[in-house]
């Protein structure tokens, strides 16, 4: 049985060159192209997708997020920050340190955004 062992000695280019020599149409192979796209994607470690998506419900004044922290604890930096800026809701003790002055942070951020 023939197989190729991919070790640290070879990078993606070497493997693609090898496949081309073996007769594979590397340029139009959909699987290889999707694998290369996945390798080139920028993503945050330990997140569920390629980006963090924050959803804002203006009627219920609620913010949700798809980041790891929110999925495990139902609270995260993204959610707290947007609820603070959009709805003026102060974070609870689970997400806030005693030394943080969220009212001042909100005023300063809004002041900066208005410039």
PDB file of N, CA and C in Angstrom:
ATOM      1  N   UNK A   1       0.844  -1.178   0.000  1.00  0.00           N
ATOM      2  CA  UNK A   1       0.000   0.000   0.000  1.00  0.00           C
ATOM      3  C   UNK A   1       0.890   1.243   0.000  1.00  0.00           C
ATOM      4  N   UNK A   2       0.663   2.161  -0.941  1.00  0.00           N
ATOM      5  CA  UNK A   2       1.445   3.401  -1.015  1.00  0.00           C
ATOM      6  C   UNK A   2       0.748   4.496  -0.224  1.00  0.00           C
ATOM      7  N   UNK A   3       1.537   5.242   0.492  1.00  0.00           N
ATOM      8  CA  UNK A   3       1.000   6.398   1.209  1.00  0.00           C
ATOM      9  C   UNK A   3       2.107   7.424   1.382  1.00  0.00           C
ATOM     10  N   UNK A   4       1.686   8.650   1.673  1.00  0.00           N
ATOM     11  CA  UNK A   4       2.629   9.748   1.888  1.00  0.00           C
ATOM     12  C   UNK A   4       2.539  10.137   3.341  1.00  0.00           C
ATOM     13  N   UNK A   5       3.691  10.236   3.995  1.00  0.00           N
ATOM     14  CA  UNK A   5       3.715  10.669   5.381  1.00  0.00           C
ATOM     15  C   UNK A   5       4.108  12.147   5.414  1.00  0.00           C
ATOM     16  N   UNK A   6       3.250  12.945   5.988  1.00  0.00           N
ATOM     17  CA  UNK A   6       3.473  14.391   6.049  1.00  0.00           C
ATOM     18  C   UNK A   6       4.148  14.705   7.378  1.00  0.00           C
ATOM     19  N   UNK A   7       5.392  15.124   7.322  1.00  0.00           N
ATOM     20  CA  UNK A   7       6.137  15.455   8.531  1.00  0.00           C
ATOM     21  C   UNK A   7       6.492  16.939   8.510  1.00  0.00           C
ATOM     22  N   UNK A   8       7.211  17.357   9.529  1.00  0.00           N
ATOM     23  CA  UNK A   8       7.627  18.761   9.627  1.00  0.00           C
ATOM     24  C   UNK A   8       8.591  19.173   8.524  1.00  0.00           C
ATOM     25  N   UNK A   9       9.175  18.179   7.841  1.00  0.00           N
ATOM     26  CA  UNK A   9      10.138  18.486   6.782  1.00  0.00           C
ATOM     27  C   UNK A   9       9.473  19.102   5.551  1.00  0.00           C
ATOM     28  N   UNK A  10       8.174  18.876   5.397  1.00  0.00           N
ATOM     29  CA  UNK A  10       7.461  19.338   4.203  1.00  0.00           C
ATOM     30  C   UNK A  10       6.414  20.386   4.572  1.00  0.00           C
ATOM     31  N   UNK A  11       6.309  21.410   3.754  1.00  0.00           N
ATOM     32  CA  UNK A  11       5.237  22.373   3.960  1.00  0.00           C
ATOM     33  C   UNK A  11       4.133  22.112   2.928  1.00  0.00           C
ATOM     34  N   UNK A  12       3.087  22.955   2.938  1.00  0.00           N
ATOM     35  CA  UNK A  12       1.953  22.741   2.035  1.00  0.00           C
ATOM     36  C   UNK A  12       2.373  22.763   0.564  1.00  0.00           C
ATOM     37  N   UNK A  13       3.299  23.654   0.239  1.00  0.00           N
ATOM     38  CA  UNK A  13       3.766  23.771  -1.145  1.00  0.00           C
ATOM     39  C   UNK A  13       4.424  22.497  -1.635  1.00  0.00           C
ATOM     40  N   UNK A  14       5.239  21.864  -0.771  1.00  0.00           N
ATOM     41  CA  UNK A  14       5.896  20.610  -1.144  1.00  0.00           C
ATOM     42  C   UNK A  14       4.870  19.517  -1.417  1.00  0.00           C
ATOM     43  N   UNK A  15       3.858  19.446  -0.582  1.00  0.00           N
ATOM     44  CA  UNK A  15       2.825  18.415  -0.758  1.00  0.00           C
ATOM     45  C   UNK A  15       2.047  18.665  -2.049  1.00  0.00           C
ATOM     46  N   UNK A  16       1.700  19.925  -2.317  1.00  0.00           N
ATOM     47  CA  UNK A  16       0.972  20.246  -3.548  1.00  0.00           C
ATOM     48  C   UNK A  16       1.823  19.938  -4.780  1.00  0.00           C
ATOM     49  N   UNK A  17       3.106  20.253  -4.727  1.00  0.00           N
ATOM     50  CA  UNK A  17       4.014  19.927  -5.837  1.00  0.00           C
ATOM     51  C   UNK A  17       4.061  18.417  -6.065  1.00  0.00           C
ATOM     52  N   UNK A  18       4.141  17.655  -4.976  1.00  0.00           N
ATOM     53  CA  UNK A  18       4.168  16.203  -5.082  1.00  0.00           C
ATOM     54  C   UNK A  18       2.886  15.672  -5.742  1.00  0.00           C
ATOM     55  N   UNK A  19       1.732  16.204  -5.315  1.00  0.00           N
ATOM     56  CA  UNK A  19       0.457  15.757  -5.885  1.00  0.00           C
ATOM     57  C   UNK A  19       0.366  16.091  -7.374  1.00  0.00           C
ATOM     58  N   UNK A  20       0.890  17.252  -7.737  1.00  0.00           N
ATOM     59  CA  UNK A  20       0.870  17.648  -9.155  1.00  0.00           C
ATOM     60  C   UNK A  20       1.716  16.692  -9.996  1.00  0.00           C
ATOM     61  N   UNK A  21       2.894  16.327  -9.491  1.00  0.00           N
ATOM     62  CA  UNK A  21       3.770  15.387 -10.195  1.00  0.00           C
ATOM     63  C   UNK A  21       3.077  14.028 -10.344  1.00  0.00           C
ATOM     64  N   UNK A  22       2.252  13.671  -9.381  1.00  0.00           N
ATOM     65  CA  UNK A  22       1.545  12.392  -9.424  1.00  0.00           C
ATOM     66  C   UNK A  22       0.322  12.422 -10.345  1.00  0.00           C
ATOM     67  N   UNK A  23       0.040  13.602 -10.940  1.00  0.00           N
ATOM     68  CA  UNK A  23      -1.055  13.680 -11.905  1.00  0.00           C
ATOM     69  C   UNK A  23      -2.340  14.286 -11.380  1.00  0.00           C
ATOM     70  N   UNK A  24      -2.347  14.768 -10.147  1.00  0.00           N
ATOM     71  CA  UNK A  24      -3.551  15.401  -9.607  1.00  0.00           C
ATOM     72  C   UNK A  24      -3.672  16.827 -10.130  1.00  0.00           C
ATOM     73  N   UNK A  25      -4.888  17.234 -10.448  1.00  0.00           N
ATOM     74  CA  UNK A  25      -5.142  18.614 -10.880  1.00  0.00           C
ATOM     75  C   UNK A  25      -5.360  19.460  -9.630  1.00  0.00           C
ATOM     76  N   UNK A  26      -4.269  19.936  -9.075  1.00  0.00           N
ATOM     77  CA  UNK A  26      -4.292  20.650  -7.804  1.00  0.00           C
ATOM     78  C   UNK A  26      -5.074  21.964  -7.906  1.00  0.00           C
ATOM     79  N   UNK A  27      -4.968  22.641  -9.039  1.00  0.00           N
ATOM     80  CA  UNK A  27      -5.619  23.946  -9.202  1.00  0.00           C
ATOM     81  C   UNK A  27      -7.131  23.902  -9.147  1.00  0.00           C
ATOM     82  N   UNK A  28      -7.740  22.806  -9.602  1.00  0.00           N
ATOM     83  CA  UNK A  28      -9.200  22.760  -9.636  1.00  0.00           C
ATOM     84  C   UNK A  28      -9.793  21.762  -8.644  1.00  0.00           C
ATOM     85  N   UNK A  29      -8.981  21.160  -7.803  1.00  0.00           N
ATOM     86  CA  UNK A  29      -9.481  20.205  -6.824  1.00  0.00           C
ATOM     87  C   UNK A  29     -10.205  20.960  -5.707  1.00  0.00           C
ATOM     88  N   UNK A  30     -11.490  20.713  -5.591  1.00  0.00           N
ATOM     89  CA  UNK A  30     -12.315  21.465  -4.642  1.00  0.00           C
ATOM     90  C   UNK A  30     -11.925  21.174  -3.192  1.00  0.00           C
ATOM     91  N   UNK A  31     -11.623  19.930  -2.875  1.00  0.00           N
ATOM     92  CA  UNK A  31     -11.238  19.578  -1.511  1.00  0.00           C
ATOM     93  C   UNK A  31      -9.941  20.275  -1.107  1.00  0.00           C
ATOM     94  N   UNK A  32      -8.943  20.242  -1.982  1.00  0.00           N
ATOM     95  CA  UNK A  32      -7.662  20.899  -1.672  1.00  0.00           C
ATOM     96  C   UNK A  32      -7.844  22.400  -1.521  1.00  0.00           C
ATOM     97  N   UNK A  33      -8.642  22.993  -2.406  1.00  0.00           N
ATOM     98  CA  UNK A  33      -8.865  24.438  -2.313  1.00  0.00           C
ATOM     99  C   UNK A  33      -9.578  24.821  -1.017  1.00  0.00           C
ATOM    100  N   UNK A  34     -10.564  24.034  -0.613  1.00  0.00           N
ATOM    101  CA  UNK A  34     -11.255  24.355   0.641  1.00  0.00           C
ATOM    102  C   UNK A  34     -10.341  24.146   1.841  1.00  0.00           C
ATOM    103  N   UNK A  35      -9.456  23.144   1.770  1.00  0.00           N
ATOM    104  CA  UNK A  35      -8.493  22.922   2.848  1.00  0.00           C
ATOM    105  C   UNK A  35      -7.512  24.085   2.945  1.00  0.00           C
ATOM    106  N   UNK A  36      -7.034  24.570   1.801  1.00  0.00           N
ATOM    107  CA  UNK A  36      -6.122  25.713   1.802  1.00  0.00           C
ATOM    108  C   UNK A  36      -6.808  26.970   2.336  1.00  0.00           C
ATOM    109  N   UNK A  37      -8.066  27.181   1.934  1.00  0.00           N
ATOM    110  CA  UNK A  37      -8.814  28.339   2.437  1.00  0.00           C
ATOM    111  C   UNK A  37      -8.954  28.268   3.954  1.00  0.00           C
ATOM    112  N   UNK A  38      -9.236  27.089   4.467  1.00  0.00           N
ATOM    113  CA  UNK A  38      -9.390  26.918   5.918  1.00  0.00           C
ATOM    114  C   UNK A  38      -8.077  27.221   6.642  1.00  0.00           C
ATOM    115  N   UNK A  39      -6.949  26.840   6.051  1.00  0.00           N
ATOM    116  CA  UNK A  39      -5.639  27.107   6.671  1.00  0.00           C
ATOM    117  C   UNK A  39      -5.310  28.594   6.675  1.00  0.00           C
ATOM    118  N   UNK A  40      -5.776  29.315   5.672  1.00  0.00           N
ATOM    119  CA  UNK A  40      -5.458  30.730   5.553  1.00  0.00           C
ATOM    120  C   UNK A  40      -6.421  31.626   6.325  1.00  0.00           C
ATOM    121  N   UNK A  41      -7.511  31.056   6.832  1.00  0.00           N
ATOM    122  CA  UNK A  41      -8.511  31.829   7.555  1.00  0.00           C
ATOM    123  C   UNK A  41      -7.952  32.344   8.869  1.00  0.00           C
ATOM    124  N   UNK A  42      -8.339  33.533   9.228  1.00  0.00           N
ATOM    125  CA  UNK A  42      -7.935  34.102  10.510  1.00  0.00           C
ATOM    126  C   UNK A  42      -9.063  33.846  11.495  1.00  0.00           C
ATOM    127  N   UNK A  43      -8.737  33.278  12.636  1.00  0.00           N
ATOM    128  CA  UNK A  43      -9.763  33.033  13.638  1.00  0.00           C
ATOM    129  C   UNK A  43      -9.151  33.149  15.024  1.00  0.00           C
ATOM    130  N   UNK A  44      -9.999  33.402  15.981  1.00  0.00           N
ATOM    131  CA  UNK A  44      -9.542  33.481  17.357  1.00  0.00           C
ATOM    132  C   UNK A  44      -9.488  32.081  17.937  1.00  0.00           C
ATOM    133  N   UNK A  45      -8.491  31.814  18.738  1.00  0.00           N
ATOM    134  CA  UNK A  45      -8.360  30.498  19.353  1.00  0.00           C
ATOM    135  C   UNK A  45      -9.564  30.233  20.250  1.00  0.00           C
ATOM    136  N   UNK A  46      -9.970  28.970  20.264  1.00  0.00           N
ATOM    137  CA  UNK A  46     -11.038  28.475  21.132  1.00  0.00           C
ATOM    138  C   UNK A  46     -12.402  29.093  20.843  1.00  0.00           C
ATOM    139  N   UNK A  47     -12.592  29.666  19.673  1.00  0.00           N
ATOM    140  CA  UNK A  47     -13.912  30.186  19.308  1.00  0.00           C
ATOM    141  C   UNK A  47     -14.604  29.185  18.398  1.00  0.00           C
ATOM    142  N   UNK A  48     -15.908  29.278  18.306  1.00  0.00           N
ATOM    143  CA  UNK A  48     -16.687  28.280  17.586  1.00  0.00           C
ATOM    144  C   UNK A  48     -16.722  28.498  16.089  1.00  0.00           C
ATOM    145  N   UNK A  49     -16.406  29.679  15.629  1.00  0.00           N
ATOM    146  CA  UNK A  49     -16.450  29.951  14.202  1.00  0.00           C
ATOM    147  C   UNK A  49     -15.303  30.837  13.778  1.00  0.00           C
ATOM    148  N   UNK A  50     -15.419  31.399  12.590  1.00  0.00           N
ATOM    149  CA  UNK A  50     -14.362  32.251  12.059  1.00  0.00           C
ATOM    150  C   UNK A  50     -14.455  33.673  12.586  1.00  0.00           C
ATOM    151  N   UNK A  51     -15.564  34.021  13.152  1.00  0.00           N
ATOM    152  CA  UNK A  51     -15.727  35.368  13.684  1.00  0.00           C
ATOM    153  C   UNK A  51     -16.667  35.301  14.876  1.00  0.00           C
ATOM    154  N   UNK A  52     -16.664  36.356  15.655  1.00  0.00           N
ATOM    155  CA  UNK A  52     -17.576  36.457  16.790  1.00  0.00           C
ATOM    156  C   UNK A  52     -18.765  37.283  16.335  1.00  0.00           C
ATOM    157  N   UNK A  53     -19.946  36.740  16.540  1.00  0.00           N
ATOM    158  CA  UNK A  53     -21.165  37.419  16.111  1.00  0.00           C
ATOM    159  C   UNK A  53     -21.942  37.852  17.350  1.00  0.00           C
ATOM    160  N   UNK A  54     -22.266  39.128  17.406  1.00  0.00           N
ATOM    161  CA  UNK A  54     -23.028  39.676  18.520  1.00  0.00           C
ATOM    162  C   UNK A  54     -24.403  40.069  17.995  1.00  0.00           C
ATOM    163  N   UNK A  55     -25.451  39.600  18.675  1.00  0.00           N
ATOM    164  CA  UNK A  55     -26.817  39.913  18.272  1.00  0.00           C
ATOM    165  C   UNK A  55     -27.438  40.851  19.301  1.00  0.00           C
ATOM    166  N   UNK A  56     -28.079  41.894  18.811  1.00  0.00           N
ATOM    167  CA  UNK A  56     -28.674  42.896  19.694  1.00  0.00           C
ATOM    168  C   UNK A  56     -30.178  42.906  19.472  1.00  0.00           C
ATOM    169  N   UNK A  57     -30.937  42.710  20.548  1.00  0.00           N
ATOM    170  CA  UNK A  57     -32.394  42.786  20.516  1.00  0.00           C
ATOM    171  C   UNK A  57     -32.793  44.104  21.168  1.00  0.00           C
ATOM    172  N   UNK A  58     -33.138  45.100  20.335  1.00  0.00           N
ATOM    173  CA  UNK A  58     -33.475  46.427  20.838  1.00  0.00           C
ATOM    174  C   UNK A  58     -34.769  46.467  21.612  1.00  0.00           C
ATOM    175  N   UNK A  59     -35.688  45.558  21.323  1.00  0.00           N
ATOM    176  CA  UNK A  59     -36.974  45.538  22.015  1.00  0.00           C
ATOM    177  C   UNK A  59     -36.804  45.027  23.441  1.00  0.00           C
ATOM    178  N   UNK A  60     -36.135  43.883  23.582  1.00  0.00           N
ATOM    179  CA  UNK A  60     -35.916  43.296  24.918  1.00  0.00           C
ATOM    180  C   UNK A  60     -34.690  43.878  25.610  1.00  0.00           C
ATOM    181  N   UNK A  61     -33.951  44.725  24.898  1.00  0.00           N
ATOM    182  CA  UNK A  61     -32.707  45.323  25.414  1.00  0.00           C
ATOM    183  C   UNK A  61     -31.777  44.223  25.922  1.00  0.00           C
ATOM    184  N   UNK A  62     -31.496  43.303  25.009  1.00  0.00           N
ATOM    185  CA  UNK A  62     -30.686  42.155  25.352  1.00  0.00           C
ATOM    186  C   UNK A  62     -29.630  41.934  24.283  1.00  0.00           C
ATOM    187  N   UNK A  63     -28.434  41.562  24.693  1.00  0.00           N
ATOM    188  CA  UNK A  63     -27.334  41.285  23.778  1.00  0.00           C
ATOM    189  C   UNK A  63     -26.898  39.844  23.999  1.00  0.00           C
ATOM    190  N   UNK A  64     -26.715  39.096  22.905  1.00  0.00           N
ATOM    191  CA  UNK A  64     -26.184  37.743  22.983  1.00  0.00           C
ATOM    192  C   UNK A  64     -24.976  37.641  22.058  1.00  0.00           C
ATOM    193  N   UNK A  65     -24.190  36.608  22.255  1.00  0.00           N
ATOM    194  CA  UNK A  65     -22.933  36.487  21.527  1.00  0.00           C
ATOM    195  C   UNK A  65     -22.656  35.011  21.270  1.00  0.00           C
ATOM    196  N   UNK A  66     -21.840  34.701  20.263  1.00  0.00           N
ATOM    197  CA  UNK A  66     -21.502  33.301  20.003  1.00  0.00           C
ATOM    198  C   UNK A  66     -20.079  32.947  20.442  1.00  0.00           C
ATOM    199  N   UNK A  67     -19.459  33.780  21.276  1.00  0.00           N
ATOM    200  CA  UNK A  67     -18.097  33.474  21.727  1.00  0.00           C
ATOM    201  C   UNK A  67     -18.122  32.377  22.795  1.00  0.00           C
ATOM    202  N   UNK A  68     -16.974  31.823  23.077  1.00  0.00           N
ATOM    203  CA  UNK A  68     -16.877  30.723  24.036  1.00  0.00           C
ATOM    204  C   UNK A  68     -17.346  31.128  25.435  1.00  0.00           C
ATOM    205  N   UNK A  69     -16.917  32.297  25.897  1.00  0.00           N
ATOM    206  CA  UNK A  69     -17.314  32.744  27.240  1.00  0.00           C
ATOM    207  C   UNK A  69     -18.825  32.818  27.375  1.00  0.00           C
ATOM    208  N   UNK A  70     -19.482  33.423  26.376  1.00  0.00           N
ATOM    209  CA  UNK A  70     -20.939  33.568  26.454  1.00  0.00           C
ATOM    210  C   UNK A  70     -21.626  32.206  26.407  1.00  0.00           C
ATOM    211  N   UNK A  71     -21.134  31.296  25.587  1.00  0.00           N
ATOM    212  CA  UNK A  71     -21.755  29.975  25.472  1.00  0.00           C
ATOM    213  C   UNK A  71     -21.649  29.158  26.754  1.00  0.00           C
ATOM    214  N   UNK A  72     -20.610  29.393  27.545  1.00  0.00           N
ATOM    215  CA  UNK A  72     -20.460  28.643  28.789  1.00  0.00           C
ATOM    216  C   UNK A  72     -21.033  29.372  29.997  1.00  0.00           C
ATOM    217  N   UNK A  73     -20.925  30.707  30.013  1.00  0.00           N
ATOM    218  CA  UNK A  73     -21.289  31.450  31.220  1.00  0.00           C
ATOM    219  C   UNK A  73     -22.456  32.421  31.018  1.00  0.00           C
ATOM    220  N   UNK A  74     -22.950  32.542  29.801  1.00  0.00           N
ATOM    221  CA  UNK A  74     -24.018  33.491  29.449  1.00  0.00           C
ATOM    222  C   UNK A  74     -23.662  34.934  29.782  1.00  0.00           C
ATOM    223  N   UNK A  75     -22.362  35.206  29.805  1.00  0.00           N
ATOM    224  CA  UNK A  75     -21.887  36.576  29.992  1.00  0.00           C
ATOM    225  C   UNK A  75     -20.493  36.659  29.373  1.00  0.00           C
ATOM    226  N   UNK A  76     -20.203  37.770  28.699  1.00  0.00           N
ATOM    227  CA  UNK A  76     -18.881  37.936  28.093  1.00  0.00           C
ATOM    228  C   UNK A  76     -18.597  39.420  27.926  1.00  0.00           C
ATOM    229  N   UNK A  77     -17.363  39.713  27.601  1.00  0.00           N
ATOM    230  CA  UNK A  77     -16.926  41.096  27.418  1.00  0.00           C
ATOM    231  C   UNK A  77     -17.741  41.795  26.328  1.00  0.00           C
ATOM    232  N   UNK A  78     -17.996  41.092  25.216  1.00  0.00           N
ATOM    233  CA  UNK A  78     -18.715  41.683  24.086  1.00  0.00           C
ATOM    234  C   UNK A  78     -20.127  42.071  24.498  1.00  0.00           C
ATOM    235  N   UNK A  79     -20.803  41.163  25.176  1.00  0.00           N
ATOM    236  CA  UNK A  79     -22.170  41.392  25.607  1.00  0.00           C
ATOM    237  C   UNK A  79     -22.244  42.541  26.609  1.00  0.00           C
ATOM    238  N   UNK A  80     -21.379  42.507  27.609  1.00  0.00           N
ATOM    239  CA  UNK A  80     -21.386  43.533  28.651  1.00  0.00           C
ATOM    240  C   UNK A  80     -21.090  44.914  28.055  1.00  0.00           C
ATOM    241  N   UNK A  81     -20.112  44.975  27.180  1.00  0.00           N
ATOM    242  CA  UNK A  81     -19.732  46.260  26.585  1.00  0.00           C
ATOM    243  C   UNK A  81     -20.876  46.848  25.771  1.00  0.00           C
ATOM    244  N   UNK A  82     -21.511  46.042  24.923  1.00  0.00           N
ATOM    245  CA  UNK A  82     -22.605  46.564  24.095  1.00  0.00           C
ATOM    246  C   UNK A  82     -23.844  46.898  24.915  1.00  0.00           C
ATOM    247  N   UNK A  83     -24.150  46.101  25.945  1.00  0.00           N
ATOM    248  CA  UNK A  83     -25.286  46.447  26.807  1.00  0.00           C
ATOM    249  C   UNK A  83     -25.017  47.747  27.543  1.00  0.00           C
ATOM    250  N   UNK A  84     -23.791  47.954  27.949  1.00  0.00           N
ATOM    251  CA  UNK A  84     -23.423  49.195  28.622  1.00  0.00           C
ATOM    252  C   UNK A  84     -23.573  50.388  27.691  1.00  0.00           C
ATOM    253  N   UNK A  85     -23.025  50.285  26.484  1.00  0.00           N
ATOM    254  CA  UNK A  85     -23.055  51.416  25.552  1.00  0.00           C
ATOM    255  C   UNK A  85     -24.444  51.662  24.975  1.00  0.00           C
ATOM    256  N   UNK A  86     -25.136  50.604  24.595  1.00  0.00           N
ATOM    257  CA  UNK A  86     -26.409  50.756  23.907  1.00  0.00           C
ATOM    258  C   UNK A  86     -27.571  51.017  24.859  1.00  0.00           C
ATOM    259  N   UNK A  87     -27.599  50.288  25.982  1.00  0.00           N
ATOM    260  CA  UNK A  87     -28.763  50.349  26.859  1.00  0.00           C
ATOM    261  C   UNK A  87     -28.464  50.926  28.237  1.00  0.00           C
ATOM    262  N   UNK A  88     -27.200  51.225  28.518  1.00  0.00           N
ATOM    263  CA  UNK A  88     -26.837  51.790  29.812  1.00  0.00           C
ATOM    264  C   UNK A  88     -26.920  50.783  30.955  1.00  0.00           C
ATOM    265  N   UNK A  89     -26.925  49.489  30.644  1.00  0.00           N
ATOM    266  CA  UNK A  89     -26.994  48.452  31.679  1.00  0.00           C
ATOM    267  C   UNK A  89     -25.598  48.206  32.241  1.00  0.00           C
ATOM    268  N   UNK A  90     -25.462  48.329  33.551  1.00  0.00           N
ATOM    269  CA  UNK A  90     -24.176  48.094  34.196  1.00  0.00           C
ATOM    270  C   UNK A  90     -23.955  46.590  34.394  1.00  0.00           C
ATOM    271  N   UNK A  91     -22.734  46.111  34.228  1.00  0.00           N
ATOM    272  CA  UNK A  91     -22.470  44.676  34.423  1.00  0.00           C
ATOM    273  C   UNK A  91     -22.594  44.285  35.888  1.00  0.00           C
ATOM    274  N   UNK A  92     -22.941  43.030  36.113  1.00  0.00           N
ATOM    275  CA  UNK A  92     -23.037  42.549  37.493  1.00  0.00           C
ATOM    276  C   UNK A  92     -21.655  42.139  38.008  1.00  0.00           C
ATOM    277  N   UNK A  93     -21.611  41.655  39.212  1.00  0.00           N
ATOM    278  CA  UNK A  93     -20.331  41.327  39.858  1.00  0.00           C
ATOM    279  C   UNK A  93     -19.588  40.189  39.180  1.00  0.00           C
ATOM    280  N   UNK A  94     -20.299  39.327  38.433  1.00  0.00           N
ATOM    281  CA  UNK A  94     -19.639  38.202  37.766  1.00  0.00           C
ATOM    282  C   UNK A  94     -18.669  38.672  36.685  1.00  0.00           C
ATOM    283  N   UNK A  95     -18.929  39.837  36.125  1.00  0.00           N
ATOM    284  CA  UNK A  95     -18.142  40.295  34.980  1.00  0.00           C
ATOM    285  C   UNK A  95     -17.389  41.580  35.274  1.00  0.00           C
ATOM    286  N   UNK A  96     -17.438  42.027  36.484  1.00  0.00           N
ATOM    287  CA  UNK A  96     -16.865  43.326  36.795  1.00  0.00           C
ATOM    288  C   UNK A  96     -15.961  43.242  38.013  1.00  0.00           C
ATOM    289  N   UNK A  97     -14.863  43.961  37.943  1.00  0.00           N
ATOM    290  CA  UNK A  97     -13.981  44.072  39.098  1.00  0.00           C
ATOM    291  C   UNK A  97     -14.420  45.271  39.924  1.00  0.00           C
ATOM    292  N   UNK A  98     -14.175  45.237  41.206  1.00  0.00           N
ATOM    293  CA  UNK A  98     -14.575  46.337  42.079  1.00  0.00           C
ATOM    294  C   UNK A  98     -13.898  47.649  41.724  1.00  0.00           C
ATOM    295  N   UNK A  99     -12.739  47.574  41.077  1.00  0.00           N
ATOM    296  CA  UNK A  99     -11.989  48.792  40.748  1.00  0.00           C
ATOM    297  C   UNK A  99     -12.464  49.445  39.456  1.00  0.00           C
ATOM    298  N   UNK A 100     -13.337  48.769  38.690  1.00  0.00           N
ATOM    299  CA  UNK A 100     -13.790  49.325  37.423  1.00  0.00           C
ATOM    300  C   UNK A 100     -14.973  50.262  37.645  1.00  0.00           C
ATOM    301  N   UNK A 101     -14.878  51.420  37.052  1.00  0.00           N
ATOM    302  CA  UNK A 101     -15.963  52.399  37.141  1.00  0.00           C
ATOM    303  C   UNK A 101     -16.670  52.417  35.787  1.00  0.00           C
ATOM    304  N   UNK A 102     -17.703  51.574  35.633  1.00  0.00           N
ATOM    305  CA  UNK A 102     -18.356  51.394  34.340  1.00  0.00           C
ATOM    306  C   UNK A 102     -19.101  52.644  33.885  1.00  0.00           C
ATOM    307  N   UNK A 103     -19.596  53.447  34.798  1.00  0.00           N
ATOM    308  CA  UNK A 103     -20.260  54.697  34.400  1.00  0.00           C
ATOM    309  C   UNK A 103     -19.263  55.628  33.705  1.00  0.00           C
ATOM    310  N   UNK A 104     -18.085  55.721  34.290  1.00  0.00           N
ATOM    311  CA  UNK A 104     -17.046  56.568  33.699  1.00  0.00           C
ATOM    312  C   UNK A 104     -16.572  55.996  32.364  1.00  0.00           C
ATOM    313  N   UNK A 105     -16.410  54.681  32.308  1.00  0.00           N
ATOM    314  CA  UNK A 105     -16.000  54.041  31.052  1.00  0.00           C
ATOM    315  C   UNK A 105     -17.016  54.345  29.968  1.00  0.00           C
ATOM    316  N   UNK A 106     -18.311  54.214  30.283  1.00  0.00           N
ATOM    317  CA  UNK A 106     -19.373  54.479  29.299  1.00  0.00           C
ATOM    318  C   UNK A 106     -19.315  55.929  28.819  1.00  0.00           C
ATOM    319  N   UNK A 107     -19.202  56.869  29.748  1.00  0.00           N
ATOM    320  CA  UNK A 107     -19.149  58.293  29.383  1.00  0.00           C
ATOM    321  C   UNK A 107     -17.956  58.588  28.480  1.00  0.00           C
ATOM    322  N   UNK A 108     -16.803  58.030  28.826  1.00  0.00           N
ATOM    323  CA  UNK A 108     -15.605  58.288  28.025  1.00  0.00           C
ATOM    324  C   UNK A 108     -15.717  57.693  26.629  1.00  0.00           C
ATOM    325  N   UNK A 109     -16.257  56.480  26.520  1.00  0.00           N
ATOM    326  CA  UNK A 109     -16.412  55.838  25.208  1.00  0.00           C
ATOM    327  C   UNK A 109     -17.394  56.619  24.362  1.00  0.00           C
ATOM    328  N   UNK A 110     -18.533  56.984  24.922  1.00  0.00           N
ATOM    329  CA  UNK A 110     -19.534  57.743  24.168  1.00  0.00           C
ATOM    330  C   UNK A 110     -18.987  59.106  23.736  1.00  0.00           C
ATOM    331  N   UNK A 111     -18.216  59.739  24.602  1.00  0.00           N
ATOM    332  CA  UNK A 111     -17.582  61.011  24.273  1.00  0.00           C
ATOM    333  C   UNK A 111     -16.644  60.836  23.065  1.00  0.00           C
ATOM    334  N   UNK A 112     -15.876  59.765  23.101  1.00  0.00           N
ATOM    335  CA  UNK A 112     -14.941  59.477  22.018  1.00  0.00           C
ATOM    336  C   UNK A 112     -15.676  59.194  20.716  1.00  0.00           C
ATOM    337  N   UNK A 113     -16.764  58.430  20.791  1.00  0.00           N
ATOM    338  CA  UNK A 113     -17.525  58.079  19.586  1.00  0.00           C
ATOM    339  C   UNK A 113     -18.200  59.296  18.949  1.00  0.00           C
ATOM    340  N   UNK A 114     -18.547  60.279  19.752  1.00  0.00           N
ATOM    341  CA  UNK A 114     -19.221  61.472  19.229  1.00  0.00           C
ATOM    342  C   UNK A 114     -18.278  62.391  18.482  1.00  0.00           C
ATOM    343  N   UNK A 115     -16.972  62.227  18.664  1.00  0.00           N
ATOM    344  CA  UNK A 115     -15.992  63.095  17.998  1.00  0.00           C
ATOM    345  C   UNK A 115     -15.968  62.886  16.510  1.00  0.00           C
TER     346      UNK A 115
END
